[in-house]
Amino acid sequence: AWAETSTPAYCYRFDVRSADVPPLSGVTHFEEVSFVFHNIA
């Protein structure tokens, strides 16, 4: 919809599973948050 109106849209697919999530969950909901906030601690 943003492209249809020539409005800038930067779209992404996040694809990294962090260490606190079981492998079976994969790259699940909320995974990107610690990366965005650089919450290394």
PDB file of all heavy atoms in Angstrom:
ATOM      1  N   ALA A   1       0.831  -1.210   0.000  1.00  0.00           N
ATOM      2  CA  ALA A   1       0.000   0.000   0.000  1.00  0.00           C
ATOM      3  C   ALA A   1       0.861   1.254   0.000  1.00  0.00           C
ATOM      4  O   ALA A   1       0.533   2.247  -0.665  1.00  0.00           O
ATOM      5  CB  ALA A   1      -0.928  -0.004   1.212  1.00  0.00           C
ATOM      6  N   TRP A   2       1.976   1.204   0.747  1.00  0.00           N
ATOM      7  CA  TRP A   2       2.874   2.375   0.748  1.00  0.00           C
ATOM      8  C   TRP A   2       3.502   2.557  -0.642  1.00  0.00           C
ATOM      9  O   TRP A   2       3.612   3.680  -1.135  1.00  0.00           O
ATOM     10  CB  TRP A   2       3.950   2.179   1.821  1.00  0.00           C
ATOM     11  CG  TRP A   2       3.693   3.001   3.050  1.00  0.00           C
ATOM     12  CD1 TRP A   2       4.486   4.008   3.536  1.00  0.00           C
ATOM     13  CD2 TRP A   2       2.573   2.922   3.940  1.00  0.00           C
ATOM     14  NE1 TRP A   2       3.916   4.545   4.671  1.00  0.00           N
ATOM     15  CE2 TRP A   2       2.746   3.904   4.940  1.00  0.00           C
ATOM     16  CE3 TRP A   2       1.434   2.130   3.994  1.00  0.00           C
ATOM     17  CZ2 TRP A   2       1.830   4.105   5.979  1.00  0.00           C
ATOM     18  CZ3 TRP A   2       0.511   2.317   5.023  1.00  0.00           C
ATOM     19  CH2 TRP A   2       0.722   3.295   5.993  1.00  0.00           C
ATOM     20  N   ALA A   3       3.881   1.446  -1.277  1.00  0.00           N
ATOM     21  CA  ALA A   3       4.459   1.545  -2.618  1.00  0.00           C
ATOM     22  C   ALA A   3       3.449   2.088  -3.618  1.00  0.00           C
ATOM     23  O   ALA A   3       3.803   2.854  -4.530  1.00  0.00           O
ATOM     24  CB  ALA A   3       4.959   0.173  -3.063  1.00  0.00           C
ATOM     25  N   GLU A   4       2.182   1.723  -3.455  1.00  0.00           N
ATOM     26  CA  GLU A   4       1.135   2.201  -4.361  1.00  0.00           C
ATOM     27  C   GLU A   4       0.963   3.711  -4.302  1.00  0.00           C
ATOM     28  O   GLU A   4       0.499   4.321  -5.273  1.00  0.00           O
ATOM     29  CB  GLU A   4      -0.193   1.508  -4.025  1.00  0.00           C
ATOM     30  CG  GLU A   4      -0.216   0.030  -4.389  1.00  0.00           C
ATOM     31  CD  GLU A   4      -1.306  -0.747  -3.677  1.00  0.00           C
ATOM     32  OE1 GLU A   4      -2.157  -0.097  -3.016  1.00  0.00           O
ATOM     33  OE2 GLU A   4      -1.318  -1.980  -3.773  1.00  0.00           O
ATOM     34  N   THR A   5       1.342   4.317  -3.188  1.00  0.00           N
ATOM     35  CA  THR A   5       1.229   5.769  -3.048  1.00  0.00           C
ATOM     36  C   THR A   5       2.590   6.456  -3.116  1.00  0.00           C
ATOM     37  O   THR A   5       2.715   7.636  -2.789  1.00  0.00           O
ATOM     38  CB  THR A   5       0.550   6.134  -1.714  1.00  0.00           C
ATOM     39  OG1 THR A   5       1.339   5.629  -0.634  1.00  0.00           O
ATOM     40  CG2 THR A   5      -0.856   5.553  -1.645  1.00  0.00           C
ATOM     41  N   SER A   6       3.594   5.700  -3.537  1.00  0.00           N
ATOM     42  CA  SER A   6       4.966   6.228  -3.668  1.00  0.00           C
ATOM     43  C   SER A   6       5.466   6.834  -2.356  1.00  0.00           C
ATOM     44  O   SER A   6       6.176   7.849  -2.343  1.00  0.00           O
ATOM     45  CB  SER A   6       5.039   7.270  -4.794  1.00  0.00           C
ATOM     46  OG  SER A   6       4.676   6.696  -6.034  1.00  0.00           O
ATOM     47  N   THR A   7       5.091   6.201  -1.243  1.00  0.00           N
ATOM     48  CA  THR A   7       5.546   6.627   0.073  1.00  0.00           C
ATOM     49  C   THR A   7       6.642   5.668   0.527  1.00  0.00           C
ATOM     50  O   THR A   7       6.473   4.455   0.438  1.00  0.00           O
ATOM     51  CB  THR A   7       4.387   6.598   1.085  1.00  0.00           C
ATOM     52  OG1 THR A   7       3.288   7.348   0.557  1.00  0.00           O
ATOM     53  CG2 THR A   7       4.808   7.200   2.415  1.00  0.00           C
ATOM     54  N   PRO A   8       7.767   6.174   1.013  1.00  0.00           N
ATOM     55  CA  PRO A   8       8.880   5.281   1.366  1.00  0.00           C
ATOM     56  C   PRO A   8       8.506   4.249   2.418  1.00  0.00           C
ATOM     57  O   PRO A   8       7.923   4.580   3.453  1.00  0.00           O
ATOM     58  CB  PRO A   8       9.953   6.244   1.904  1.00  0.00           C
ATOM     59  CG  PRO A   8       9.635   7.554   1.255  1.00  0.00           C
ATOM     60  CD  PRO A   8       8.131   7.598   1.160  1.00  0.00           C
ATOM     61  N   ALA A   9       8.836   2.997   2.141  1.00  0.00           N
ATOM     62  CA  ALA A   9       8.629   1.907   3.084  1.00  0.00           C
ATOM     63  C   ALA A   9       9.861   1.018   3.055  1.00  0.00           C
ATOM     64  O   ALA A   9      10.238   0.507   1.997  1.00  0.00           O
ATOM     65  CB  ALA A   9       7.388   1.104   2.724  1.00  0.00           C
ATOM     66  N   TYR A  10      10.483   0.864   4.202  1.00  0.00           N
ATOM     67  CA  TYR A  10      11.642  -0.015   4.333  1.00  0.00           C
ATOM     68  C   TYR A  10      11.168  -1.276   5.054  1.00  0.00           C
ATOM     69  O   TYR A  10      10.796  -1.234   6.220  1.00  0.00           O
ATOM     70  CB  TYR A  10      12.757   0.689   5.109  1.00  0.00           C
ATOM     71  CG  TYR A  10      13.271   1.910   4.393  1.00  0.00           C
ATOM     72  CD1 TYR A  10      12.745   3.172   4.657  1.00  0.00           C
ATOM     73  CD2 TYR A  10      14.266   1.809   3.424  1.00  0.00           C
ATOM     74  CE1 TYR A  10      13.200   4.305   3.994  1.00  0.00           C
ATOM     75  CE2 TYR A  10      14.730   2.928   2.747  1.00  0.00           C
ATOM     76  CZ  TYR A  10      14.189   4.175   3.031  1.00  0.00           C
ATOM     77  OH  TYR A  10      14.638   5.290   2.366  1.00  0.00           O
ATOM     78  N   CYS A  11      11.165  -2.380   4.326  1.00  0.00           N
ATOM     79  CA  CYS A  11      10.547  -3.606   4.816  1.00  0.00           C
ATOM     80  C   CYS A  11      11.623  -4.655   5.098  1.00  0.00           C
ATOM     81  O   CYS A  11      12.658  -4.675   4.438  1.00  0.00           O
ATOM     82  CB  CYS A  11       9.531  -4.118   3.803  1.00  0.00           C
ATOM     83  SG  CYS A  11       8.280  -2.842   3.427  1.00  0.00           S
ATOM     84  N   TYR A  12      11.354  -5.506   6.083  1.00  0.00           N
ATOM     85  CA  TYR A  12      12.381  -6.477   6.467  1.00  0.00           C
ATOM     86  C   TYR A  12      11.764  -7.800   6.890  1.00  0.00           C
ATOM     87  O   TYR A  12      10.582  -7.893   7.225  1.00  0.00           O
ATOM     88  CB  TYR A  12      13.254  -5.929   7.599  1.00  0.00           C
ATOM     89  CG  TYR A  12      12.570  -5.864   8.950  1.00  0.00           C
ATOM     90  CD1 TYR A  12      12.524  -6.977   9.800  1.00  0.00           C
ATOM     91  CD2 TYR A  12      11.988  -4.679   9.404  1.00  0.00           C
ATOM     92  CE1 TYR A  12      11.901  -6.917  11.036  1.00  0.00           C
ATOM     93  CE2 TYR A  12      11.361  -4.607  10.643  1.00  0.00           C
ATOM     94  CZ  TYR A  12      11.328  -5.730  11.457  1.00  0.00           C
ATOM     95  OH  TYR A  12      10.705  -5.669  12.682  1.00  0.00           O
ATOM     96  N   ARG A  13      12.606  -8.824   6.866  1.00  0.00           N
ATOM     97  CA  ARG A  13      12.316 -10.127   7.472  1.00  0.00           C
ATOM     98  C   ARG A  13      13.482 -10.463   8.385  1.00  0.00           C
ATOM     99  O   ARG A  13      14.617 -10.640   7.924  1.00  0.00           O
ATOM    100  CB  ARG A  13      12.123 -11.217   6.408  1.00  0.00           C
ATOM    101  CG  ARG A  13      11.884 -12.609   6.996  1.00  0.00           C
ATOM    102  CD  ARG A  13      11.466 -13.620   5.922  1.00  0.00           C
ATOM    103  NE  ARG A  13      12.509 -13.902   4.954  1.00  0.00           N
ATOM    104  CZ  ARG A  13      13.413 -14.883   5.073  1.00  0.00           C
ATOM    105  NH1 ARG A  13      13.416 -15.661   6.145  1.00  0.00           N
ATOM    106  NH2 ARG A  13      14.311 -15.080   4.123  1.00  0.00           N
ATOM    107  N   PHE A  14      13.226 -10.553   9.676  1.00  0.00           N
ATOM    108  CA  PHE A  14      14.280 -10.853  10.640  1.00  0.00           C
ATOM    109  C   PHE A  14      14.444 -12.363  10.740  1.00  0.00           C
ATOM    110  O   PHE A  14      13.458 -13.095  10.865  1.00  0.00           O
ATOM    111  CB  PHE A  14      13.928 -10.249  12.002  1.00  0.00           C
ATOM    112  CG  PHE A  14      14.993 -10.444  13.038  1.00  0.00           C
ATOM    113  CD1 PHE A  14      16.134  -9.663  13.027  1.00  0.00           C
ATOM    114  CD2 PHE A  14      14.864 -11.425  14.013  1.00  0.00           C
ATOM    115  CE1 PHE A  14      17.138  -9.851  13.977  1.00  0.00           C
ATOM    116  CE2 PHE A  14      15.851 -11.621  14.956  1.00  0.00           C
ATOM    117  CZ  PHE A  14      16.993 -10.833  14.948  1.00  0.00           C
ATOM    118  N   ASP A  15      15.710 -12.841  10.733  1.00  0.00           N
ATOM    119  CA  ASP A  15      15.923 -14.283  10.578  1.00  0.00           C
ATOM    120  C   ASP A  15      17.069 -14.802  11.446  1.00  0.00           C
ATOM    121  O   ASP A  15      17.917 -15.567  10.977  1.00  0.00           O
ATOM    122  CB  ASP A  15      16.196 -14.598   9.105  1.00  0.00           C
ATOM    123  CG  ASP A  15      16.027 -16.076   8.779  1.00  0.00           C
ATOM    124  OD1 ASP A  15      15.165 -16.719   9.392  1.00  0.00           O
ATOM    125  OD2 ASP A  15      16.768 -16.581   7.909  1.00  0.00           O
ATOM    126  N   VAL A  16      17.088 -14.404  12.727  1.00  0.00           N
ATOM    127  CA  VAL A  16      18.106 -14.896  13.653  1.00  0.00           C
ATOM    128  C   VAL A  16      17.429 -15.298  14.960  1.00  0.00           C
ATOM    129  O   VAL A  16      16.667 -14.522  15.531  1.00  0.00           O
ATOM    130  CB  VAL A  16      19.182 -13.820  13.933  1.00  0.00           C
ATOM    131  CG1 VAL A  16      20.143 -14.300  15.026  1.00  0.00           C
ATOM    132  CG2 VAL A  16      19.948 -13.496  12.675  1.00  0.00           C
ATOM    133  N   ARG A  17      17.719 -16.511  15.425  1.00  0.00           N
ATOM    134  CA  ARG A  17      17.199 -16.963  16.711  1.00  0.00           C
ATOM    135  C   ARG A  17      18.202 -16.630  17.798  1.00  0.00           C
ATOM    136  O   ARG A  17      19.361 -17.001  17.739  1.00  0.00           O
ATOM    137  CB  ARG A  17      16.943 -18.476  16.688  1.00  0.00           C
ATOM    138  CG  ARG A  17      16.369 -19.017  18.006  1.00  0.00           C
ATOM    139  CD  ARG A  17      16.179 -20.520  17.953  1.00  0.00           C
ATOM    140  NE  ARG A  17      17.449 -21.240  17.825  1.00  0.00           N
ATOM    141  CZ  ARG A  17      18.235 -21.572  18.854  1.00  0.00           C
ATOM    142  NH1 ARG A  17      17.890 -21.238  20.083  1.00  0.00           N
ATOM    143  NH2 ARG A  17      19.347 -22.233  18.635  1.00  0.00           N
ATOM    144  N   SER A  18      17.738 -15.926  18.838  1.00  0.00           N
ATOM    145  CA  SER A  18      18.641 -15.545  19.919  1.00  0.00           C
ATOM    146  C   SER A  18      18.802 -16.681  20.915  1.00  0.00           C
ATOM    147  O   SER A  18      18.105 -17.697  20.869  1.00  0.00           O
ATOM    148  CB  SER A  18      18.128 -14.281  20.613  1.00  0.00           C
ATOM    149  OG  SER A  18      16.823 -14.462  21.101  1.00  0.00           O
ATOM    150  N   ALA A  19      19.725 -16.505  21.864  1.00  0.00           N
ATOM    151  CA  ALA A  19      20.170 -17.606  22.721  1.00  0.00           C
ATOM    152  C   ALA A  19      19.148 -18.013  23.770  1.00  0.00           C
ATOM    153  O   ALA A  19      19.249 -19.112  24.319  1.00  0.00           O
ATOM    154  CB  ALA A  19      21.480 -17.209  23.405  1.00  0.00           C
ATOM    155  N   ASP A  20      18.187 -17.167  24.073  1.00  0.00           N
ATOM    156  CA  ASP A  20      17.247 -17.482  25.157  1.00  0.00           C
ATOM    157  C   ASP A  20      15.996 -18.194  24.668  1.00  0.00           C
ATOM    158  O   ASP A  20      15.053 -18.397  25.447  1.00  0.00           O
ATOM    159  CB  ASP A  20      16.849 -16.201  25.900  1.00  0.00           C
ATOM    160  CG  ASP A  20      16.141 -15.200  25.007  1.00  0.00           C
ATOM    161  OD1 ASP A  20      16.503 -15.122  23.825  1.00  0.00           O
ATOM    162  OD2 ASP A  20      15.242 -14.491  25.496  1.00  0.00           O
ATOM    163  N   VAL A  21      15.957 -18.576  23.408  1.00  0.00           N
ATOM    164  CA  VAL A  21      14.766 -19.194  22.827  1.00  0.00           C
ATOM    165  C   VAL A  21      15.087 -20.632  22.418  1.00  0.00           C
ATOM    166  O   VAL A  21      16.115 -20.888  21.784  1.00  0.00           O
ATOM    167  CB  VAL A  21      14.284 -18.389  21.600  1.00  0.00           C
ATOM    168  CG1 VAL A  21      13.178 -19.119  20.883  1.00  0.00           C
ATOM    169  CG2 VAL A  21      13.804 -17.016  22.048  1.00  0.00           C
ATOM    170  N   PRO A  22      14.223 -21.591  22.740  1.00  0.00           N
ATOM    171  CA  PRO A  22      14.472 -22.982  22.341  1.00  0.00           C
ATOM    172  C   PRO A  22      14.543 -23.119  20.825  1.00  0.00           C
ATOM    173  O   PRO A  22      13.844 -22.399  20.094  1.00  0.00           O
ATOM    174  CB  PRO A  22      13.243 -23.723  22.892  1.00  0.00           C
ATOM    175  CG  PRO A  22      12.673 -22.843  23.944  1.00  0.00           C
ATOM    176  CD  PRO A  22      12.972 -21.437  23.515  1.00  0.00           C
ATOM    177  N   PRO A  23      15.360 -24.029  20.330  1.00  0.00           N
ATOM    178  CA  PRO A  23      15.483 -24.206  18.878  1.00  0.00           C
ATOM    179  C   PRO A  23      14.145 -24.434  18.182  1.00  0.00           C
ATOM    180  O   PRO A  23      13.931 -23.953  17.073  1.00  0.00           O
ATOM    181  CB  PRO A  23      16.388 -25.427  18.755  1.00  0.00           C
ATOM    182  CG  PRO A  23      17.220 -25.393  19.987  1.00  0.00           C
ATOM    183  CD  PRO A  23      16.309 -24.891  21.068  1.00  0.00           C
ATOM    184  N   LEU A  24      13.231 -25.145  18.837  1.00  0.00           N
ATOM    185  CA  LEU A  24      11.957 -25.455  18.206  1.00  0.00           C
ATOM    186  C   LEU A  24      11.121 -24.198  17.945  1.00  0.00           C
ATOM    187  O   LEU A  24      10.282 -24.189  17.050  1.00  0.00           O
ATOM    188  CB  LEU A  24      11.162 -26.427  19.087  1.00  0.00           C
ATOM    189  CG  LEU A  24      10.120 -27.296  18.374  1.00  0.00           C
ATOM    190  CD1 LEU A  24      10.772 -28.122  17.273  1.00  0.00           C
ATOM    191  CD2 LEU A  24       9.424 -28.209  19.382  1.00  0.00           C
ATOM    192  N   SER A  25      11.361 -23.140  18.704  1.00  0.00           N
ATOM    193  CA  SER A  25      10.627 -21.889  18.482  1.00  0.00           C
ATOM    194  C   SER A  25      11.120 -21.151  17.245  1.00  0.00           C
ATOM    195  O   SER A  25      10.407 -20.318  16.692  1.00  0.00           O
ATOM    196  CB  SER A  25      10.751 -20.979  19.709  1.00  0.00           C
ATOM    197  OG  SER A  25      10.105 -21.526  20.827  1.00  0.00           O
ATOM    198  N   GLY A  26      12.338 -21.444  16.812  1.00  0.00           N
ATOM    199  CA  GLY A  26      12.882 -20.767  15.643  1.00  0.00           C
ATOM    200  C   GLY A  26      12.995 -19.271  15.874  1.00  0.00           C
ATOM    201  O   GLY A  26      13.169 -18.793  16.996  1.00  0.00           O
ATOM    202  N   VAL A  27      12.887 -18.528  14.776  1.00  0.00           N
ATOM    203  CA  VAL A  27      12.955 -17.059  14.850  1.00  0.00           C
ATOM    204  C   VAL A  27      11.540 -16.569  15.117  1.00  0.00           C
ATOM    205  O   VAL A  27      10.824 -16.115  14.227  1.00  0.00           O
ATOM    206  CB  VAL A  27      13.526 -16.472  13.550  1.00  0.00           C
ATOM    207  CG1 VAL A  27      13.747 -14.966  13.709  1.00  0.00           C
ATOM    208  CG2 VAL A  27      14.844 -17.155  13.191  1.00  0.00           C
ATOM    209  N   THR A  28      11.143 -16.672  16.339  1.00  0.00           N
ATOM    210  CA  THR A  28       9.756 -16.449  16.695  1.00  0.00           C
ATOM    211  C   THR A  28       9.466 -14.987  17.004  1.00  0.00           C
ATOM    212  O   THR A  28      10.327 -14.111  16.857  1.00  0.00           O
ATOM    213  CB  THR A  28       9.378 -17.373  17.880  1.00  0.00           C
ATOM    214  OG1 THR A  28       7.970 -17.357  18.065  1.00  0.00           O
ATOM    215  CG2 THR A  28      10.076 -16.921  19.160  1.00  0.00           C
ATOM    216  N   HIS A  29       8.267 -14.735  17.456  1.00  0.00           N
ATOM    217  CA  HIS A  29       7.813 -13.397  17.816  1.00  0.00           C
ATOM    218  C   HIS A  29       8.708 -12.800  18.896  1.00  0.00           C
ATOM    219  O   HIS A  29       9.163 -13.503  19.793  1.00  0.00           O
ATOM    220  CB  HIS A  29       6.376 -13.495  18.315  1.00  0.00           C
ATOM    221  CG  HIS A  29       5.620 -12.213  18.362  1.00  0.00           C
ATOM    222  ND1 HIS A  29       5.447 -11.417  17.256  1.00  0.00           N
ATOM    223  CD2 HIS A  29       4.973 -11.592  19.386  1.00  0.00           C
ATOM    224  CE1 HIS A  29       4.714 -10.368  17.595  1.00  0.00           C
ATOM    225  NE2 HIS A  29       4.427 -10.439  18.880  1.00  0.00           N
ATOM    226  N   PHE A  30       9.001 -11.502  18.784  1.00  0.00           N
ATOM    227  CA  PHE A  30       9.752 -10.723  19.771  1.00  0.00           C
ATOM    228  C   PHE A  30      11.265 -10.850  19.617  1.00  0.00           C
ATOM    229  O   PHE A  30      12.022 -10.141  20.267  1.00  0.00           O
ATOM    230  CB  PHE A  30       9.354 -11.142  21.202  1.00  0.00           C
ATOM    231  CG  PHE A  30       9.637 -10.108  22.258  1.00  0.00           C
ATOM    232  CD1 PHE A  30       8.786  -9.050  22.468  1.00  0.00           C
ATOM    233  CD2 PHE A  30      10.765 -10.195  23.063  1.00  0.00           C
ATOM    234  CE1 PHE A  30       9.038  -8.094  23.448  1.00  0.00           C
ATOM    235  CE2 PHE A  30      11.036  -9.254  24.042  1.00  0.00           C
ATOM    236  CZ  PHE A  30      10.156  -8.199  24.237  1.00  0.00           C
ATOM    237  N   GLU A  31      11.758 -11.729  18.735  1.00  0.00           N
ATOM    238  CA  GLU A  31      13.188 -12.014  18.668  1.00  0.00           C
ATOM    239  C   GLU A  31      14.032 -10.808  18.266  1.00  0.00           C
ATOM    240  O   GLU A  31      15.192 -10.699  18.662  1.00  0.00           O
ATOM    241  CB  GLU A  31      13.454 -13.167  17.703  1.00  0.00           C
ATOM    242  CG  GLU A  31      13.111 -14.521  18.267  1.00  0.00           C
ATOM    243  CD  GLU A  31      13.827 -14.768  19.567  1.00  0.00           C
ATOM    244  OE1 GLU A  31      14.976 -15.224  19.555  1.00  0.00           O
ATOM    245  OE2 GLU A  31      13.235 -14.478  20.620  1.00  0.00           O
ATOM    246  N   GLU A  32      13.476  -9.919  17.471  1.00  0.00           N
ATOM    247  CA  GLU A  32      14.266  -8.792  16.985  1.00  0.00           C
ATOM    248  C   GLU A  32      14.451  -7.694  18.027  1.00  0.00           C
ATOM    249  O   GLU A  32      15.318  -6.818  17.871  1.00  0.00           O
ATOM    250  CB  GLU A  32      13.615  -8.211  15.725  1.00  0.00           C
ATOM    251  CG  GLU A  32      12.524  -7.170  15.940  1.00  0.00           C
ATOM    252  CD  GLU A  32      11.271  -7.703  16.627  1.00  0.00           C
ATOM    253  OE1 GLU A  32      11.095  -8.932  16.734  1.00  0.00           O
ATOM    254  OE2 GLU A  32      10.452  -6.875  17.060  1.00  0.00           O
ATOM    255  N   VAL A  33      13.658  -7.725  19.092  1.00  0.00           N
ATOM    256  CA  VAL A  33      13.631  -6.596  20.031  1.00  0.00           C
ATOM    257  C   VAL A  33      14.992  -6.356  20.674  1.00  0.00           C
ATOM    258  O   VAL A  33      15.489  -5.222  20.712  1.00  0.00           O
ATOM    259  CB  VAL A  33      12.543  -6.811  21.103  1.00  0.00           C
ATOM    260  CG1 VAL A  33      12.665  -5.770  22.217  1.00  0.00           C
ATOM    261  CG2 VAL A  33      11.157  -6.741  20.479  1.00  0.00           C
ATOM    262  N   SER A  34      15.626  -7.388  21.192  1.00  0.00           N
ATOM    263  CA  SER A  34      16.926  -7.198  21.846  1.00  0.00           C
ATOM    264  C   SER A  34      17.973  -6.691  20.862  1.00  0.00           C
ATOM    265  O   SER A  34      18.896  -5.953  21.242  1.00  0.00           O
ATOM    266  CB  SER A  34      17.395  -8.499  22.490  1.00  0.00           C
ATOM    267  OG  SER A  34      17.556  -9.523  21.533  1.00  0.00           O
ATOM    268  N   PHE A  35      17.844  -7.057  19.593  1.00  0.00           N
ATOM    269  CA  PHE A  35      18.784  -6.596  18.570  1.00  0.00           C
ATOM    270  C   PHE A  35      18.563  -5.111  18.277  1.00  0.00           C
ATOM    271  O   PHE A  35      19.524  -4.343  18.188  1.00  0.00           O
ATOM    272  CB  PHE A  35      18.617  -7.422  17.288  1.00  0.00           C
ATOM    273  CG  PHE A  35      19.172  -8.810  17.379  1.00  0.00           C
ATOM    274  CD1 PHE A  35      18.467  -9.813  18.031  1.00  0.00           C
ATOM    275  CD2 PHE A  35      20.405  -9.133  16.822  1.00  0.00           C
ATOM    276  CE1 PHE A  35      18.970 -11.105  18.122  1.00  0.00           C
ATOM    277  CE2 PHE A  35      20.923 -10.419  16.905  1.00  0.00           C
ATOM    278  CZ  PHE A  35      20.196 -11.412  17.572  1.00  0.00           C
ATOM    279  N   VAL A  36      17.323  -4.710  18.124  1.00  0.00           N
ATOM    280  CA  VAL A  36      17.024  -3.308  17.838  1.00  0.00           C
ATOM    281  C   VAL A  36      17.503  -2.405  18.972  1.00  0.00           C
ATOM    282  O   VAL A  36      18.085  -1.342  18.735  1.00  0.00           O
ATOM    283  CB  VAL A  36      15.511  -3.117  17.605  1.00  0.00           C
ATOM    284  CG1 VAL A  36      15.142  -1.632  17.603  1.00  0.00           C
ATOM    285  CG2 VAL A  36      15.093  -3.764  16.298  1.00  0.00           C
ATOM    286  N   PHE A  37      17.283  -2.835  20.217  1.00  0.00           N
ATOM    287  CA  PHE A  37      17.641  -2.006  21.363  1.00  0.00           C
ATOM    288  C   PHE A  37      19.097  -2.193  21.791  1.00  0.00           C
ATOM    289  O   PHE A  37      19.530  -1.554  22.752  1.00  0.00           O
ATOM    290  CB  PHE A  37      16.703  -2.302  22.533  1.00  0.00           C
ATOM    291  CG  PHE A  37      15.353  -1.665  22.390  1.00  0.00           C
ATOM    292  CD1 PHE A  37      14.302  -2.363  21.827  1.00  0.00           C
ATOM    293  CD2 PHE A  37      15.142  -0.357  22.775  1.00  0.00           C
ATOM    294  CE1 PHE A  37      13.059  -1.777  21.671  1.00  0.00           C
ATOM    295  CE2 PHE A  37      13.905   0.243  22.630  1.00  0.00           C
ATOM    296  CZ  PHE A  37      12.861  -0.466  22.066  1.00  0.00           C
ATOM    297  N   HIS A  38      19.822  -3.032  21.101  1.00  0.00           N
ATOM    298  CA  HIS A  38      21.232  -3.319  21.427  1.00  0.00           C
ATOM    299  C   HIS A  38      21.369  -3.688  22.899  1.00  0.00           C
ATOM    300  O   HIS A  38      22.292  -3.248  23.599  1.00  0.00           O
ATOM    301  CB  HIS A  38      22.117  -2.123  21.079  1.00  0.00           C
ATOM    302  CG  HIS A  38      23.566  -2.493  20.853  1.00  0.00           C
ATOM    303  ND1 HIS A  38      23.961  -3.449  19.948  1.00  0.00           N
ATOM    304  CD2 HIS A  38      24.716  -2.043  21.428  1.00  0.00           C
ATOM    305  CE1 HIS A  38      25.274  -3.562  19.961  1.00  0.00           C
ATOM    306  NE2 HIS A  38      25.757  -2.724  20.866  1.00  0.00           N
ATOM    307  N   ASN A  39      20.446  -4.521  23.346  1.00  0.00           N
ATOM    308  CA  ASN A  39      20.410  -4.930  24.751  1.00  0.00           C
ATOM    309  C   ASN A  39      21.286  -6.158  24.945  1.00  0.00           C
ATOM    310  O   ASN A  39      20.811  -7.254  25.265  1.00  0.00           O
ATOM    311  CB  ASN A  39      18.961  -5.206  25.165  1.00  0.00           C
ATOM    312  CG  ASN A  39      18.788  -5.398  26.660  1.00  0.00           C
ATOM    313  OD1 ASN A  39      19.748  -5.408  27.417  1.00  0.00           O
ATOM    314  ND2 ASN A  39      17.546  -5.547  27.079  1.00  0.00           N
ATOM    315  N   ILE A  40      22.568  -5.983  24.749  1.00  0.00           N
ATOM    316  CA  ILE A  40      23.513  -7.092  24.823  1.00  0.00           C
ATOM    317  C   ILE A  40      23.550  -7.684  26.236  1.00  0.00           C
ATOM    318  O   ILE A  40      23.739  -8.885  26.418  1.00  0.00           O
ATOM    319  CB  ILE A  40      24.930  -6.631  24.410  1.00  0.00           C
ATOM    320  CG1 ILE A  40      24.884  -5.945  23.025  1.00  0.00           C
ATOM    321  CG2 ILE A  40      25.890  -7.807  24.388  1.00  0.00           C
ATOM    322  CD1 ILE A  40      24.347  -6.807  21.919  1.00  0.00           C
ATOM    323  N   ALA A  41      23.340  -6.845  27.235  1.00  0.00           N
ATOM    324  CA  ALA A  41      23.363  -7.314  28.620  1.00  0.00           C
ATOM    325  C   ALA A  41      22.123  -8.123  28.975  1.00  0.00           C
ATOM    326  O   ALA A  41      22.113  -8.815  29.995  1.00  0.00           O
ATOM    327  CB  ALA A  41      23.488  -6.126  29.569  1.00  0.00           C
TER     328      ALA A  41
END
